[in-house]
């Protein structure tokens, strides 16, 4: 499923809960991170995916 194919509900959820999803990626357990990443990948924008990459880079630098 590409971003263009994502149901409107997923895109709306991601838009309304973007900050929560990013925090889940940064601080959640493995399951929470998986759900957040799936939502961002399927309902987010390319900019969202870049932000996800920055969060992963930050975690790597911090040793998390």
C-alpha atoms as a PDB file:
ATOM      1  CA  UNK A   1       0.000   0.000   0.000  1.00  0.00           C
ATOM      2  CA  UNK A   2       1.430   3.349  -0.956  1.00  0.00           C
ATOM      3  CA  UNK A   3       0.680   6.718   0.569  1.00  0.00           C
ATOM      4  CA  UNK A   4      -1.671   7.426  -2.331  1.00  0.00           C
ATOM      5  CA  UNK A   5      -3.637   4.226  -1.591  1.00  0.00           C
ATOM      6  CA  UNK A   6      -4.040   4.791   2.150  1.00  0.00           C
ATOM      7  CA  UNK A   7      -7.611   5.013   3.377  1.00  0.00           C
ATOM      8  CA  UNK A   8      -8.703   8.514   4.266  1.00  0.00           C
ATOM      9  CA  UNK A   9      -9.228   7.404   7.873  1.00  0.00           C
ATOM     10  CA  UNK A  10      -5.576   6.383   8.214  1.00  0.00           C
ATOM     11  CA  UNK A  11      -4.354   9.658   6.722  1.00  0.00           C
ATOM     12  CA  UNK A  12      -6.679  11.601   9.027  1.00  0.00           C
ATOM     13  CA  UNK A  13      -5.558   9.636  12.089  1.00  0.00           C
ATOM     14  CA  UNK A  14      -1.897  10.211  11.271  1.00  0.00           C
ATOM     15  CA  UNK A  15      -2.471  13.933  10.702  1.00  0.00           C
ATOM     16  CA  UNK A  16      -4.325  14.315  14.005  1.00  0.00           C
ATOM     17  CA  UNK A  17      -1.925  12.157  16.055  1.00  0.00           C
ATOM     18  CA  UNK A  18       1.422  12.858  14.426  1.00  0.00           C
ATOM     19  CA  UNK A  19       3.203  13.968  17.605  1.00  0.00           C
ATOM     20  CA  UNK A  20       1.924  10.940  19.541  1.00  0.00           C
ATOM     21  CA  UNK A  21       3.136   8.587  16.829  1.00  0.00           C
ATOM     22  CA  UNK A  22       6.586  10.171  16.818  1.00  0.00           C
ATOM     23  CA  UNK A  23       6.785   9.847  20.616  1.00  0.00           C
ATOM     24  CA  UNK A  24       5.722   6.195  20.341  1.00  0.00           C
ATOM     25  CA  UNK A  25       8.587   5.620  17.929  1.00  0.00           C
ATOM     26  CA  UNK A  26      11.047   7.317  20.228  1.00  0.00           C
ATOM     27  CA  UNK A  27       9.968   5.842  23.564  1.00  0.00           C
ATOM     28  CA  UNK A  28       7.526   2.977  22.989  1.00  0.00           C
ATOM     29  CA  UNK A  29       8.184  -0.720  23.236  1.00  0.00           C
ATOM     30  CA  UNK A  30       8.730  -2.840  20.148  1.00  0.00           C
ATOM     31  CA  UNK A  31       5.018  -3.400  19.517  1.00  0.00           C
ATOM     32  CA  UNK A  32       4.120   0.286  19.908  1.00  0.00           C
ATOM     33  CA  UNK A  33       6.948   1.270  17.581  1.00  0.00           C
ATOM     34  CA  UNK A  34       5.750  -1.215  14.991  1.00  0.00           C
ATOM     35  CA  UNK A  35       2.203   0.153  15.010  1.00  0.00           C
ATOM     36  CA  UNK A  36       3.386   3.757  14.882  1.00  0.00           C
ATOM     37  CA  UNK A  37       5.749   3.040  12.005  1.00  0.00           C
ATOM     38  CA  UNK A  38       3.046   1.195  10.060  1.00  0.00           C
ATOM     39  CA  UNK A  39       0.625   4.089  10.485  1.00  0.00           C
ATOM     40  CA  UNK A  40       3.191   6.692   9.462  1.00  0.00           C
ATOM     41  CA  UNK A  41       4.357   4.615   6.506  1.00  0.00           C
ATOM     42  CA  UNK A  42       0.819   4.068   5.219  1.00  0.00           C
ATOM     43  CA  UNK A  43      -0.875   7.339   6.120  1.00  0.00           C
ATOM     44  CA  UNK A  44       1.877   9.874   6.490  1.00  0.00           C
ATOM     45  CA  UNK A  45       3.631  12.181   4.129  1.00  0.00           C
ATOM     46  CA  UNK A  46       7.197  11.896   2.819  1.00  0.00           C
ATOM     47  CA  UNK A  47       8.052  14.592   5.363  1.00  0.00           C
ATOM     48  CA  UNK A  48       6.736  12.324   8.138  1.00  0.00           C
ATOM     49  CA  UNK A  49       9.049   9.557   7.013  1.00  0.00           C
ATOM     50  CA  UNK A  50      11.996  11.965   7.062  1.00  0.00           C
ATOM     51  CA  UNK A  51      11.086  12.924  10.633  1.00  0.00           C
ATOM     52  CA  UNK A  52      10.966   9.241  11.561  1.00  0.00           C
ATOM     53  CA  UNK A  53      14.462   8.803  10.147  1.00  0.00           C
ATOM     54  CA  UNK A  54      15.697  11.774  12.192  1.00  0.00           C
ATOM     55  CA  UNK A  55      14.216  10.214  15.344  1.00  0.00           C
ATOM     56  CA  UNK A  56      15.969   6.910  14.596  1.00  0.00           C
ATOM     57  CA  UNK A  57      19.255   8.751  14.015  1.00  0.00           C
ATOM     58  CA  UNK A  58      18.840  10.617  17.297  1.00  0.00           C
ATOM     59  CA  UNK A  59      18.171   7.361  19.161  1.00  0.00           C
ATOM     60  CA  UNK A  60      21.235   5.793  17.619  1.00  0.00           C
ATOM     61  CA  UNK A  61      23.407   8.761  18.648  1.00  0.00           C
ATOM     62  CA  UNK A  62      21.991   8.683  22.185  1.00  0.00           C
ATOM     63  CA  UNK A  63      22.607   4.960  22.453  1.00  0.00           C
ATOM     64  CA  UNK A  64      18.881   4.185  22.758  1.00  0.00           C
END
